[in-house]
Amino acid sequence: MAIVLSFDIDGTLEVGDPPGGVTMEMVRRAHELGYLIGSCSDRPLSGQQALWARFEIPAAFIAAKHQLEDVRERVAADSYYHIGDRELDRQLAEKAGFGFWWVDEAIDEPWLLMPPTEPGSTAVP
């Protein structure tokens, strides 16, 4: 079962500005378990790409926050989730048909309770 985990950056990931509670190690672990990892953020796409490259975590997608619906069209998966820290994150996730976790909920890694994708799965370009 393919599952997309979309992360906001600022206020969500530990490397955000401001820092959030989701560590890059948590993200790495989810990727290693087969989840399709990426970001939908207010940051420029080039900045998002640089972040994933810096931590050597292959991103299945990157997009502007308001483009969550586009991610759903581009990335084939059975389930879609967005993790963020603002009400706008929640609203955009729901509009795009994504489940949503607040960053405080995500610290407990709720995705570990879901069946991961097949190892080696990749996103649809």
PDB file of N, CA and C in Angstrom:
ATOM      1  N   MET A   1       0.845  -1.176   0.000  1.00  0.00           N
ATOM      2  CA  MET A   1       0.000   0.000   0.000  1.00  0.00           C
ATOM      3  C   MET A   1       0.893   1.242   0.000  1.00  0.00           C
ATOM      4  N   ALA A   2       0.747   2.091  -0.989  1.00  0.00           N
ATOM      5  CA  ALA A   2       1.543   3.313  -1.107  1.00  0.00           C
ATOM      6  C   ALA A   2       0.911   4.428  -0.286  1.00  0.00           C
ATOM      7  N   ILE A   3       1.739   5.070   0.545  1.00  0.00           N
ATOM      8  CA  ILE A   3       1.263   6.152   1.398  1.00  0.00           C
ATOM      9  C   ILE A   3       2.173   7.363   1.211  1.00  0.00           C
ATOM     10  N   VAL A   4       1.559   8.510   0.913  1.00  0.00           N
ATOM     11  CA  VAL A   4       2.276   9.769   0.784  1.00  0.00           C
ATOM     12  C   VAL A   4       2.293  10.474   2.131  1.00  0.00           C
ATOM     13  N   LEU A   5       3.480  10.933   2.540  1.00  0.00           N
ATOM     14  CA  LEU A   5       3.629  11.802   3.703  1.00  0.00           C
ATOM     15  C   LEU A   5       4.207  13.123   3.208  1.00  0.00           C
ATOM     16  N   SER A   6       3.388  14.143   3.256  1.00  0.00           N
ATOM     17  CA  SER A   6       3.795  15.481   2.846  1.00  0.00           C
ATOM     18  C   SER A   6       4.093  16.301   4.094  1.00  0.00           C
ATOM     19  N   PHE A   7       5.242  16.947   4.111  1.00  0.00           N
ATOM     20  CA  PHE A   7       5.647  17.740   5.264  1.00  0.00           C
ATOM     21  C   PHE A   7       5.698  19.220   4.918  1.00  0.00           C
ATOM     22  N   ASP A   8       5.070  20.039   5.745  1.00  0.00           N
ATOM     23  CA  ASP A   8       5.360  21.462   5.752  1.00  0.00           C
ATOM     24  C   ASP A   8       6.775  21.555   6.317  1.00  0.00           C
ATOM     25  N   ILE A   9       7.461  22.646   6.129  1.00  0.00           N
ATOM     26  CA  ILE A   9       8.832  22.753   6.635  1.00  0.00           C
ATOM     27  C   ILE A   9       8.904  23.672   7.852  1.00  0.00           C
ATOM     28  N   ASP A  10       8.613  24.948   7.666  1.00  0.00           N
ATOM     29  CA  ASP A  10       8.756  25.913   8.747  1.00  0.00           C
ATOM     30  C   ASP A  10       7.689  25.678   9.816  1.00  0.00           C
ATOM     31  N   GLY A  11       8.162  25.465  11.036  1.00  0.00           N
ATOM     32  CA  GLY A  11       7.266  25.182  12.154  1.00  0.00           C
ATOM     33  C   GLY A  11       6.915  23.715  12.278  1.00  0.00           C
ATOM     34  N   THR A  12       7.331  22.901  11.325  1.00  0.00           N
ATOM     35  CA  THR A  12       7.004  21.466  11.322  1.00  0.00           C
ATOM     36  C   THR A  12       8.262  20.618  11.464  1.00  0.00           C
ATOM     37  N   LEU A  13       9.215  20.803  10.556  1.00  0.00           N
ATOM     38  CA  LEU A  13      10.460  20.031  10.613  1.00  0.00           C
ATOM     39  C   LEU A  13      11.469  20.733  11.527  1.00  0.00           C
ATOM     40  N   GLU A  14      12.319  19.964  12.147  1.00  0.00           N
ATOM     41  CA  GLU A  14      13.331  20.513  13.053  1.00  0.00           C
ATOM     42  C   GLU A  14      14.245  21.511  12.361  1.00  0.00           C
ATOM     43  N   VAL A  15      14.355  21.437  11.040  1.00  0.00           N
ATOM     44  CA  VAL A  15      15.226  22.329  10.285  1.00  0.00           C
ATOM     45  C   VAL A  15      14.478  23.548   9.764  1.00  0.00           C
ATOM     46  N   GLY A  16      13.218  23.694  10.148  1.00  0.00           N
ATOM     47  CA  GLY A  16      12.420  24.826   9.704  1.00  0.00           C
ATOM     48  C   GLY A  16      12.779  26.107  10.446  1.00  0.00           C
ATOM     49  N   ASP A  17      12.158  27.195  10.006  1.00  0.00           N
ATOM     50  CA  ASP A  17      12.343  28.492  10.644  1.00  0.00           C
ATOM     51  C   ASP A  17      10.964  29.089  10.895  1.00  0.00           C
ATOM     52  N   PRO A  18      10.397  28.894  12.073  1.00  0.00           N
ATOM     53  CA  PRO A  18      11.006  28.334  13.276  1.00  0.00           C
ATOM     54  C   PRO A  18      11.075  26.807  13.197  1.00  0.00           C
ATOM     55  N   PRO A  19      11.928  26.226  14.051  1.00  0.00           N
ATOM     56  CA  PRO A  19      12.034  24.765  14.079  1.00  0.00           C
ATOM     57  C   PRO A  19      10.742  24.125  14.571  1.00  0.00           C
ATOM     58  N   GLY A  20      10.447  22.955  14.027  1.00  0.00           N
ATOM     59  CA  GLY A  20       9.303  22.172  14.483  1.00  0.00           C
ATOM     60  C   GLY A  20       9.775  20.900  15.159  1.00  0.00           C
ATOM     61  N   GLY A  21       8.826  20.095  15.586  1.00  0.00           N
ATOM     62  CA  GLY A  21       9.153  18.912  16.364  1.00  0.00           C
ATOM     63  C   GLY A  21       9.454  17.649  15.585  1.00  0.00           C
ATOM     64  N   VAL A  22       9.198  17.643  14.275  1.00  0.00           N
ATOM     65  CA  VAL A  22       9.462  16.444  13.477  1.00  0.00           C
ATOM     66  C   VAL A  22      10.934  16.461  13.060  1.00  0.00           C
ATOM     67  N   THR A  23      11.669  15.443  13.481  1.00  0.00           N
ATOM     68  CA  THR A  23      13.102  15.388  13.177  1.00  0.00           C
ATOM     69  C   THR A  23      13.342  14.808  11.788  1.00  0.00           C
ATOM     70  N   MET A  24      14.492  15.123  11.233  1.00  0.00           N
ATOM     71  CA  MET A  24      14.848  14.562   9.939  1.00  0.00           C
ATOM     72  C   MET A  24      15.082  13.058  10.062  1.00  0.00           C
ATOM     73  N   GLU A  25      15.459  12.592  11.232  1.00  0.00           N
ATOM     74  CA  GLU A  25      15.611  11.153  11.448  1.00  0.00           C
ATOM     75  C   GLU A  25      14.253  10.455  11.368  1.00  0.00           C
ATOM     76  N   MET A  26      13.204  11.090  11.877  1.00  0.00           N
ATOM     77  CA  MET A  26      11.849  10.519  11.764  1.00  0.00           C
ATOM     78  C   MET A  26      11.452  10.421  10.289  1.00  0.00           C
ATOM     79  N   VAL A  27      11.752  11.478   9.540  1.00  0.00           N
ATOM     80  CA  VAL A  27      11.435  11.499   8.108  1.00  0.00           C
ATOM     81  C   VAL A  27      12.234  10.418   7.392  1.00  0.00           C
ATOM     82  N   ARG A  28      13.512  10.319   7.715  1.00  0.00           N
ATOM     83  CA  ARG A  28      14.366   9.296   7.091  1.00  0.00           C
ATOM     84  C   ARG A  28      13.821   7.890   7.375  1.00  0.00           C
ATOM     85  N   ARG A  29      13.435   7.659   8.619  1.00  0.00           N
ATOM     86  CA  ARG A  29      12.895   6.346   9.004  1.00  0.00           C
ATOM     87  C   ARG A  29      11.627   6.035   8.199  1.00  0.00           C
ATOM     88  N   ALA A  30      10.751   7.009   8.044  1.00  0.00           N
ATOM     89  CA  ALA A  30       9.537   6.794   7.249  1.00  0.00           C
ATOM     90  C   ALA A  30       9.897   6.451   5.806  1.00  0.00           C
ATOM     91  N   HIS A  31      10.867   7.179   5.240  1.00  0.00           N
ATOM     92  CA  HIS A  31      11.298   6.882   3.871  1.00  0.00           C
ATOM     93  C   HIS A  31      11.855   5.462   3.772  1.00  0.00           C
ATOM     94  N   GLU A  32      12.682   5.088   4.733  1.00  0.00           N
ATOM     95  CA  GLU A  32      13.281   3.747   4.710  1.00  0.00           C
ATOM     96  C   GLU A  32      12.228   2.652   4.847  1.00  0.00           C
ATOM     97  N   LEU A  33      11.112   2.966   5.485  1.00  0.00           N
ATOM     98  CA  LEU A  33      10.014   2.002   5.599  1.00  0.00           C
ATOM     99  C   LEU A  33       9.165   1.934   4.328  1.00  0.00           C
ATOM    100  N   GLY A  34       9.421   2.849   3.378  1.00  0.00           N
ATOM    101  CA  GLY A  34       8.740   2.789   2.097  1.00  0.00           C
ATOM    102  C   GLY A  34       7.693   3.851   1.849  1.00  0.00           C
ATOM    103  N   TYR A  35       7.525   4.787   2.780  1.00  0.00           N
ATOM    104  CA  TYR A  35       6.568   5.868   2.548  1.00  0.00           C
ATOM    105  C   TYR A  35       7.107   6.819   1.497  1.00  0.00           C
ATOM    106  N   LEU A  36       6.207   7.427   0.732  1.00  0.00           N
ATOM    107  CA  LEU A  36       6.578   8.401  -0.289  1.00  0.00           C
ATOM    108  C   LEU A  36       6.645   9.758   0.390  1.00  0.00           C
ATOM    109  N   ILE A  37       7.847  10.280   0.546  1.00  0.00           N
ATOM    110  CA  ILE A  37       8.123  11.477   1.318  1.00  0.00           C
ATOM    111  C   ILE A  37       8.272  12.677   0.396  1.00  0.00           C
ATOM    112  N   GLY A  38       7.797  13.823   0.862  1.00  0.00           N
ATOM    113  CA  GLY A  38       8.006  15.065   0.130  1.00  0.00           C
ATOM    114  C   GLY A  38       7.567  16.247   0.962  1.00  0.00           C
ATOM    115  N   SER A  39       7.614  17.421   0.348  1.00  0.00           N
ATOM    116  CA  SER A  39       7.227  18.629   1.067  1.00  0.00           C
ATOM    117  C   SER A  39       6.303  19.490   0.230  1.00  0.00           C
ATOM    118  N   CYS A  40       5.400  20.134   0.933  1.00  0.00           N
ATOM    119  CA  CYS A  40       4.523  21.166   0.379  1.00  0.00           C
ATOM    120  C   CYS A  40       4.640  22.323   1.358  1.00  0.00           C
ATOM    121  N   SER A  41       5.314  23.360   0.927  1.00  0.00           N
ATOM    122  CA  SER A  41       5.726  24.427   1.827  1.00  0.00           C
ATOM    123  C   SER A  41       5.600  25.777   1.145  1.00  0.00           C
ATOM    124  N   ASP A  42       5.681  26.826   1.952  1.00  0.00           N
ATOM    125  CA  ASP A  42       5.728  28.185   1.406  1.00  0.00           C
ATOM    126  C   ASP A  42       7.117  28.519   0.878  1.00  0.00           C
ATOM    127  N   ARG A  43       8.092  27.682   1.171  1.00  0.00           N
ATOM    128  CA  ARG A  43       9.455  27.924   0.698  1.00  0.00           C
ATOM    129  C   ARG A  43       9.524  27.741  -0.823  1.00  0.00           C
ATOM    130  N   PRO A  44      10.455  28.436  -1.483  1.00  0.00           N
ATOM    131  CA  PRO A  44      10.647  28.216  -2.924  1.00  0.00           C
ATOM    132  C   PRO A  44      11.004  26.748  -3.192  1.00  0.00           C
ATOM    133  N   LEU A  45      10.640  26.271  -4.363  1.00  0.00           N
ATOM    134  CA  LEU A  45      10.908  24.876  -4.716  1.00  0.00           C
ATOM    135  C   LEU A  45      12.400  24.565  -4.657  1.00  0.00           C
ATOM    136  N   SER A  46      13.228  25.504  -5.086  1.00  0.00           N
ATOM    137  CA  SER A  46      14.672  25.269  -5.050  1.00  0.00           C
ATOM    138  C   SER A  46      15.158  25.085  -3.613  1.00  0.00           C
ATOM    139  N   GLY A  47      14.603  25.818  -2.670  1.00  0.00           N
ATOM    140  CA  GLY A  47      14.970  25.671  -1.265  1.00  0.00           C
ATOM    141  C   GLY A  47      14.530  24.334  -0.704  1.00  0.00           C
ATOM    142  N   GLN A  48      13.352  23.874  -1.140  1.00  0.00           N
ATOM    143  CA  GLN A  48      12.878  22.564  -0.702  1.00  0.00           C
ATOM    144  C   GLN A  48      13.781  21.464  -1.263  1.00  0.00           C
ATOM    145  N   GLN A  49      14.132  21.579  -2.539  1.00  0.00           N
ATOM    146  CA  GLN A  49      15.025  20.589  -3.145  1.00  0.00           C
ATOM    147  C   GLN A  49      16.354  20.545  -2.413  1.00  0.00           C
ATOM    148  N   ALA A  50      16.896  21.707  -2.077  1.00  0.00           N
ATOM    149  CA  ALA A  50      18.180  21.776  -1.383  1.00  0.00           C
ATOM    150  C   ALA A  50      18.096  21.114  -0.012  1.00  0.00           C
ATOM    151  N   LEU A  51      16.990  21.285   0.677  1.00  0.00           N
ATOM    152  CA  LEU A  51      16.827  20.669   1.995  1.00  0.00           C
ATOM    153  C   LEU A  51      16.885  19.151   1.893  1.00  0.00           C
ATOM    154  N   TRP A  52      16.124  18.571   0.966  1.00  0.00           N
ATOM    155  CA  TRP A  52      16.116  17.109   0.814  1.00  0.00           C
ATOM    156  C   TRP A  52      17.492  16.610   0.393  1.00  0.00           C
ATOM    157  N   ALA A  53      18.152  17.347  -0.492  1.00  0.00           N
ATOM    158  CA  ALA A  53      19.489  16.944  -0.927  1.00  0.00           C
ATOM    159  C   ALA A  53      20.479  17.005   0.235  1.00  0.00           C
ATOM    160  N   ARG A  54      20.392  18.044   1.048  1.00  0.00           N
ATOM    161  CA  ARG A  54      21.317  18.193   2.180  1.00  0.00           C
ATOM    162  C   ARG A  54      21.231  17.013   3.140  1.00  0.00           C
ATOM    163  N   PHE A  55      20.029  16.475   3.321  1.00  0.00           N
ATOM    164  CA  PHE A  55      19.849  15.349   4.238  1.00  0.00           C
ATOM    165  C   PHE A  55      19.852  14.006   3.526  1.00  0.00           C
ATOM    166  N   GLU A  56      20.093  14.025   2.222  1.00  0.00           N
ATOM    167  CA  GLU A  56      20.173  12.812   1.409  1.00  0.00           C
ATOM    168  C   GLU A  56      18.939  11.930   1.582  1.00  0.00           C
ATOM    169  N   ILE A  57      17.783  12.581   1.550  1.00  0.00           N
ATOM    170  CA  ILE A  57      16.502  11.873   1.586  1.00  0.00           C
ATOM    171  C   ILE A  57      15.834  12.132   0.242  1.00  0.00           C
ATOM    172  N   PRO A  58      15.642  11.093  -0.566  1.00  0.00           N
ATOM    173  CA  PRO A  58      15.003  11.297  -1.865  1.00  0.00           C
ATOM    174  C   PRO A  58      13.544  11.725  -1.693  1.00  0.00           C
ATOM    175  N   ALA A  59      13.212  12.877  -2.227  1.00  0.00           N
ATOM    176  CA  ALA A  59      11.838  13.366  -2.165  1.00  0.00           C
ATOM    177  C   ALA A  59      11.065  12.864  -3.380  1.00  0.00           C
ATOM    178  N   ALA A  60       9.908  12.283  -3.136  1.00  0.00           N
ATOM    179  CA  ALA A  60       9.053  11.820  -4.229  1.00  0.00           C
ATOM    180  C   ALA A  60       8.369  12.998  -4.912  1.00  0.00           C
ATOM    181  N   PHE A  61       8.312  14.142  -4.214  1.00  0.00           N
ATOM    182  CA  PHE A  61       7.671  15.341  -4.746  1.00  0.00           C
ATOM    183  C   PHE A  61       8.073  16.530  -3.893  1.00  0.00           C
ATOM    184  N   ILE A  62       7.996  17.687  -4.488  1.00  0.00           N
ATOM    185  CA  ILE A  62       8.056  18.952  -3.766  1.00  0.00           C
ATOM    186  C   ILE A  62       7.044  19.864  -4.440  1.00  0.00           C
ATOM    187  N   ALA A  63       6.421  20.735  -3.669  1.00  0.00           N
ATOM    188  CA  ALA A  63       5.405  21.613  -4.231  1.00  0.00           C
ATOM    189  C   ALA A  63       5.165  22.785  -3.301  1.00  0.00           C
ATOM    190  N   ALA A  64       4.565  23.810  -3.861  1.00  0.00           N
ATOM    191  CA  ALA A  64       4.083  24.907  -3.026  1.00  0.00           C
ATOM    192  C   ALA A  64       2.905  24.377  -2.220  1.00  0.00           C
ATOM    193  N   LYS A  65       2.721  24.937  -1.047  1.00  0.00           N
ATOM    194  CA  LYS A  65       1.686  24.441  -0.135  1.00  0.00           C
ATOM    195  C   LYS A  65       0.302  24.398  -0.790  1.00  0.00           C
ATOM    196  N   HIS A  66      -0.005  25.409  -1.583  1.00  0.00           N
ATOM    197  CA  HIS A  66      -1.330  25.455  -2.220  1.00  0.00           C
ATOM    198  C   HIS A  66      -1.464  24.466  -3.384  1.00  0.00           C
ATOM    199  N   GLN A  67      -0.424  23.680  -3.650  1.00  0.00           N
ATOM    200  CA  GLN A  67      -0.459  22.720  -4.759  1.00  0.00           C
ATOM    201  C   GLN A  67      -0.602  21.273  -4.282  1.00  0.00           C
ATOM    202  N   LEU A  68      -1.137  21.066  -3.094  1.00  0.00           N
ATOM    203  CA  LEU A  68      -1.344  19.694  -2.606  1.00  0.00           C
ATOM    204  C   LEU A  68      -2.211  18.884  -3.564  1.00  0.00           C
ATOM    205  N   GLU A  69      -3.201  19.522  -4.181  1.00  0.00           N
ATOM    206  CA  GLU A  69      -4.053  18.800  -5.135  1.00  0.00           C
ATOM    207  C   GLU A  69      -3.230  18.284  -6.314  1.00  0.00           C
ATOM    208  N   ASP A  70      -2.247  19.064  -6.751  1.00  0.00           N
ATOM    209  CA  ASP A  70      -1.378  18.640  -7.853  1.00  0.00           C
ATOM    210  C   ASP A  70      -0.545  17.425  -7.458  1.00  0.00           C
ATOM    211  N   VAL A  71      -0.099  17.397  -6.211  1.00  0.00           N
ATOM    212  CA  VAL A  71       0.671  16.243  -5.728  1.00  0.00           C
ATOM    213  C   VAL A  71      -0.187  14.994  -5.833  1.00  0.00           C
ATOM    214  N   ARG A  72      -1.428  15.105  -5.459  1.00  0.00           N
ATOM    215  CA  ARG A  72      -2.341  13.956  -5.527  1.00  0.00           C
ATOM    216  C   ARG A  72      -2.478  13.453  -6.960  1.00  0.00           C
ATOM    217  N   GLU A  73      -2.459  14.350  -7.923  1.00  0.00           N
ATOM    218  CA  GLU A  73      -2.564  13.960  -9.335  1.00  0.00           C
ATOM    219  C   GLU A  73      -1.259  13.350  -9.858  1.00  0.00           C
ATOM    220  N   ARG A  74      -0.108  13.828  -9.365  1.00  0.00           N
ATOM    221  CA  ARG A  74       1.197  13.391  -9.876  1.00  0.00           C
ATOM    222  C   ARG A  74       1.749  12.151  -9.206  1.00  0.00           C
ATOM    223  N   VAL A  75       1.379  11.914  -7.962  1.00  0.00           N
ATOM    224  CA  VAL A  75       1.970  10.829  -7.185  1.00  0.00           C
ATOM    225  C   VAL A  75       0.893   9.778  -6.905  1.00  0.00           C
ATOM    226  N   ALA A  76       1.064   8.611  -7.459  1.00  0.00           N
ATOM    227  CA  ALA A  76       0.106   7.528  -7.266  1.00  0.00           C
ATOM    228  C   ALA A  76       0.285   6.921  -5.880  1.00  0.00           C
ATOM    229  N   ALA A  77      -0.783   6.906  -5.101  1.00  0.00           N
ATOM    230  CA  ALA A  77      -0.728   6.331  -3.758  1.00  0.00           C
ATOM    231  C   ALA A  77      -2.132   5.916  -3.336  1.00  0.00           C
ATOM    232  N   ASP A  78      -2.182   5.114  -2.289  1.00  0.00           N
ATOM    233  CA  ASP A  78      -3.463   4.688  -1.731  1.00  0.00           C
ATOM    234  C   ASP A  78      -3.977   5.673  -0.688  1.00  0.00           C
ATOM    235  N   SER A  79      -3.053   6.335   0.000  1.00  0.00           N
ATOM    236  CA  SER A  79      -3.414   7.286   1.050  1.00  0.00           C
ATOM    237  C   SER A  79      -2.470   8.479   0.996  1.00  0.00           C
ATOM    238  N   TYR A  80      -3.007   9.628   1.399  1.00  0.00           N
ATOM    239  CA  TYR A  80      -2.250  10.876   1.374  1.00  0.00           C
ATOM    240  C   TYR A  80      -2.417  11.593   2.710  1.00  0.00           C
ATOM    241  N   TYR A  81      -1.292  12.058   3.269  1.00  0.00           N
ATOM    242  CA  TYR A  81      -1.306  12.778   4.539  1.00  0.00           C
ATOM    243  C   TYR A  81      -0.383  13.983   4.450  1.00  0.00           C
ATOM    244  N   HIS A  82      -0.809  15.074   5.070  1.00  0.00           N
ATOM    245  CA  HIS A  82       0.029  16.274   5.171  1.00  0.00           C
ATOM    246  C   HIS A  82       0.216  16.580   6.646  1.00  0.00           C
ATOM    247  N   ILE A  83       1.416  17.010   6.996  1.00  0.00           N
ATOM    248  CA  ILE A  83       1.761  17.327   8.377  1.00  0.00           C
ATOM    249  C   ILE A  83       2.170  18.790   8.428  1.00  0.00           C
ATOM    250  N   GLY A  84       1.523  19.546   9.313  1.00  0.00           N
ATOM    251  CA  GLY A  84       1.823  20.968   9.389  1.00  0.00           C
ATOM    252  C   GLY A  84       1.530  21.568  10.745  1.00  0.00           C
ATOM    253  N   ASP A  85       1.736  22.871  10.825  1.00  0.00           N
ATOM    254  CA  ASP A  85       1.605  23.563  12.109  1.00  0.00           C
ATOM    255  C   ASP A  85       0.594  24.703  12.092  1.00  0.00           C
ATOM    256  N   ARG A  86      -0.021  24.970  10.954  1.00  0.00           N
ATOM    257  CA  ARG A  86      -0.949  26.103  10.875  1.00  0.00           C
ATOM    258  C   ARG A  86      -2.312  25.660  10.375  1.00  0.00           C
ATOM    259  N   GLU A  87      -3.297  26.457  10.705  1.00  0.00           N
ATOM    260  CA  GLU A  87      -4.660  26.184  10.250  1.00  0.00           C
ATOM    261  C   GLU A  87      -4.718  26.125   8.722  1.00  0.00           C
ATOM    262  N   LEU A  88      -3.935  26.951   8.043  1.00  0.00           N
ATOM    263  CA  LEU A  88      -3.900  26.918   6.579  1.00  0.00           C
ATOM    264  C   LEU A  88      -3.438  25.554   6.081  1.00  0.00           C
ATOM    265  N   ASP A  89      -2.469  24.945   6.750  1.00  0.00           N
ATOM    266  CA  ASP A  89      -2.014  23.593   6.379  1.00  0.00           C
ATOM    267  C   ASP A  89      -3.193  22.618   6.421  1.00  0.00           C
ATOM    268  N   ARG A  90      -3.953  22.675   7.506  1.00  0.00           N
ATOM    269  CA  ARG A  90      -5.091  21.767   7.671  1.00  0.00           C
ATOM    270  C   ARG A  90      -6.138  22.007   6.588  1.00  0.00           C
ATOM    271  N   GLN A  91      -6.459  23.265   6.337  1.00  0.00           N
ATOM    272  CA  GLN A  91      -7.477  23.592   5.341  1.00  0.00           C
ATOM    273  C   GLN A  91      -7.078  23.114   3.944  1.00  0.00           C
ATOM    274  N   LEU A  92      -5.838  23.382   3.557  1.00  0.00           N
ATOM    275  CA  LEU A  92      -5.376  22.965   2.228  1.00  0.00           C
ATOM    276  C   LEU A  92      -5.304  21.446   2.112  1.00  0.00           C
ATOM    277  N   ALA A  93      -4.912  20.779   3.178  1.00  0.00           N
ATOM    278  CA  ALA A  93      -4.865  19.311   3.167  1.00  0.00           C
ATOM    279  C   ALA A  93      -6.269  18.749   2.965  1.00  0.00           C
ATOM    280  N   GLU A  94      -7.214  19.235   3.712  1.00  0.00           N
ATOM    281  CA  GLU A  94      -8.589  18.738   3.584  1.00  0.00           C
ATOM    282  C   GLU A  94      -9.156  19.034   2.205  1.00  0.00           C
ATOM    283  N   LYS A  95      -8.883  20.219   1.677  1.00  0.00           N
ATOM    284  CA  LYS A  95      -9.366  20.581   0.335  1.00  0.00           C
ATOM    285  C   LYS A  95      -8.811  19.625  -0.720  1.00  0.00           C
ATOM    286  N   ALA A  96      -7.563  19.171  -0.527  1.00  0.00           N
ATOM    287  CA  ALA A  96      -6.913  18.279  -1.498  1.00  0.00           C
ATOM    288  C   ALA A  96      -7.217  16.805  -1.238  1.00  0.00           C
ATOM    289  N   GLY A  97      -7.992  16.512  -0.200  1.00  0.00           N
ATOM    290  CA  GLY A  97      -8.315  15.117   0.100  1.00  0.00           C
ATOM    291  C   GLY A  97      -7.229  14.385   0.860  1.00  0.00           C
ATOM    292  N   PHE A  98      -6.363  15.129   1.535  1.00  0.00           N
ATOM    293  CA  PHE A  98      -5.302  14.548   2.356  1.00  0.00           C
ATOM    294  C   PHE A  98      -5.805  14.421   3.789  1.00  0.00           C
ATOM    295  N   GLY A  99      -5.356  13.377   4.477  1.00  0.00           N
ATOM    296  CA  GLY A  99      -5.504  13.360   5.913  1.00  0.00           C
ATOM    297  C   GLY A  99      -4.544  14.395   6.474  1.00  0.00           C
ATOM    298  N   PHE A 100      -4.739  14.795   7.711  1.00  0.00           N
ATOM    299  CA  PHE A 100      -3.886  15.836   8.280  1.00  0.00           C
ATOM    300  C   PHE A 100      -3.490  15.486   9.707  1.00  0.00           C
ATOM    301  N   TRP A 101      -2.213  15.720  10.002  1.00  0.00           N
ATOM    302  CA  TRP A 101      -1.726  15.626  11.374  1.00  0.00           C
ATOM    303  C   TRP A 101      -1.081  16.956  11.730  1.00  0.00           C
ATOM    304  N   TRP A 102      -1.428  17.471  12.902  1.00  0.00           N
ATOM    305  CA  TRP A 102      -0.719  18.610  13.458  1.00  0.00           C
ATOM    306  C   TRP A 102       0.683  18.134  13.818  1.00  0.00           C
ATOM    307  N   VAL A 103       1.645  19.046  13.788  1.00  0.00           N
ATOM    308  CA  VAL A 103       3.026  18.686  14.093  1.00  0.00           C
ATOM    309  C   VAL A 103       3.124  18.020  15.468  1.00  0.00           C
ATOM    310  N   ASP A 104       2.344  18.477  16.435  1.00  0.00           N
ATOM    311  CA  ASP A 104       2.386  17.868  17.775  1.00  0.00           C
ATOM    312  C   ASP A 104       1.930  16.414  17.756  1.00  0.00           C
ATOM    313  N   GLU A 105       0.997  16.090  16.871  1.00  0.00           N
ATOM    314  CA  GLU A 105       0.552  14.697  16.721  1.00  0.00           C
ATOM    315  C   GLU A 105       1.607  13.880  15.980  1.00  0.00           C
ATOM    316  N   ALA A 106       2.258  14.510  15.019  1.00  0.00           N
ATOM    317  CA  ALA A 106       3.229  13.808  14.173  1.00  0.00           C
ATOM    318  C   ALA A 106       4.480  13.395  14.941  1.00  0.00           C
ATOM    319  N   ILE A 107       4.765  14.069  16.029  1.00  0.00           N
ATOM    320  CA  ILE A 107       5.944  13.722  16.827  1.00  0.00           C
ATOM    321  C   ILE A 107       5.866  12.267  17.297  1.00  0.00           C
ATOM    322  N   ASP A 108       4.651  11.754  17.473  1.00  0.00           N
ATOM    323  CA  ASP A 108       4.460  10.359  17.893  1.00  0.00           C
ATOM    324  C   ASP A 108       4.522   9.380  16.727  1.00  0.00           C
ATOM    325  N   GLU A 109       4.850   9.878  15.525  1.00  0.00           N
ATOM    326  CA  GLU A 109       4.980   9.066  14.313  1.00  0.00           C
ATOM    327  C   GLU A 109       3.757   8.173  14.049  1.00  0.00           C
ATOM    328  N   PRO A 110       2.586   8.785  13.884  1.00  0.00           N
ATOM    329  CA  PRO A 110       1.382   7.975  13.649  1.00  0.00           C
ATOM    330  C   PRO A 110       1.440   7.135  12.382  1.00  0.00           C
ATOM    331  N   TRP A 111       2.298   7.512  11.436  1.00  0.00           N
ATOM    332  CA  TRP A 111       2.425   6.730  10.200  1.00  0.00           C
ATOM    333  C   TRP A 111       2.997   5.347  10.462  1.00  0.00           C
ATOM    334  N   LEU A 112       3.658   5.146  11.585  1.00  0.00           N
ATOM    335  CA  LEU A 112       4.189   3.825  11.899  1.00  0.00           C
ATOM    336  C   LEU A 112       3.078   2.810  12.181  1.00  0.00           C
ATOM    337  N   LEU A 113       1.873   3.297  12.412  1.00  0.00           N
ATOM    338  CA  LEU A 113       0.733   2.409  12.656  1.00  0.00           C
ATOM    339  C   LEU A 113       0.055   1.989  11.362  1.00  0.00           C
ATOM    340  N   MET A 114       0.498   2.547  10.232  1.00  0.00           N
ATOM    341  CA  MET A 114      -0.088   2.224   8.928  1.00  0.00           C
ATOM    342  C   MET A 114       0.844   1.288   8.178  1.00  0.00           C
ATOM    343  N   PRO A 115       0.295   0.423   7.320  1.00  0.00           N
ATOM    344  CA  PRO A 115       1.176  -0.452   6.533  1.00  0.00           C
ATOM    345  C   PRO A 115       1.967   0.370   5.521  1.00  0.00           C
ATOM    346  N   PRO A 116       3.279   0.174   5.453  1.00  0.00           N
ATOM    347  CA  PRO A 116       4.098   0.935   4.503  1.00  0.00           C
ATOM    348  C   PRO A 116       3.975   0.427   3.079  1.00  0.00           C
ATOM    349  N   THR A 117       4.592   1.157   2.178  1.00  0.00           N
ATOM    350  CA  THR A 117       4.620   0.772   0.771  1.00  0.00           C
ATOM    351  C   THR A 117       5.606  -0.371   0.571  1.00  0.00           C
ATOM    352  N   GLU A 118       5.619  -0.884  -0.602  1.00  0.00           N
ATOM    353  CA  GLU A 118       6.609  -1.899  -0.963  1.00  0.00           C
ATOM    354  C   GLU A 118       7.978  -1.248  -1.032  1.00  0.00           C
ATOM    355  N   PRO A 119       9.006  -1.880  -0.497  1.00  0.00           N
ATOM    356  CA  PRO A 119      10.359  -1.309  -0.612  1.00  0.00           C
ATOM    357  C   PRO A 119      10.710  -1.051  -2.066  1.00  0.00           C
ATOM    358  N   GLY A 120      11.306   0.104  -2.294  1.00  0.00           N
ATOM    359  CA  GLY A 120      11.716   0.445  -3.650  1.00  0.00           C
ATOM    360  C   GLY A 120      10.638   1.106  -4.487  1.00  0.00           C
ATOM    361  N   SER A 121       9.445   1.318  -3.922  1.00  0.00           N
ATOM    362  CA  SER A 121       8.387   1.988  -4.674  1.00  0.00           C
ATOM    363  C   SER A 121       8.823   3.404  -4.998  1.00  0.00           C
ATOM    364  N   THR A 122       8.374   3.889  -6.125  1.00  0.00           N
ATOM    365  CA  THR A 122       8.713   5.262  -6.500  1.00  0.00           C
ATOM    366  C   THR A 122       7.449   5.998  -6.901  1.00  0.00           C
ATOM    367  N   ALA A 123       7.534   7.297  -6.886  1.00  0.00           N
ATOM    368  CA  ALA A 123       6.401   8.126  -7.263  1.00  0.00           C
ATOM    369  C   ALA A 123       6.268   8.187  -8.781  1.00  0.00           C
ATOM    370  N   VAL A 124       5.096   8.510  -9.213  1.00  0.00           N
ATOM    371  CA  VAL A 124       4.858   8.745 -10.631  1.00  0.00           C
ATOM    372  C   VAL A 124       5.364  10.151 -10.937  1.00  0.00           C
ATOM    373  N   PRO A 125       6.225  10.327 -11.928  1.00  0.00           N
ATOM    374  CA  PRO A 125       6.777  11.671 -12.196  1.00  0.00           C
ATOM    375  C   PRO A 125       5.703  12.664 -12.575  1.00  0.00           C
TER     376      PRO A 125
END
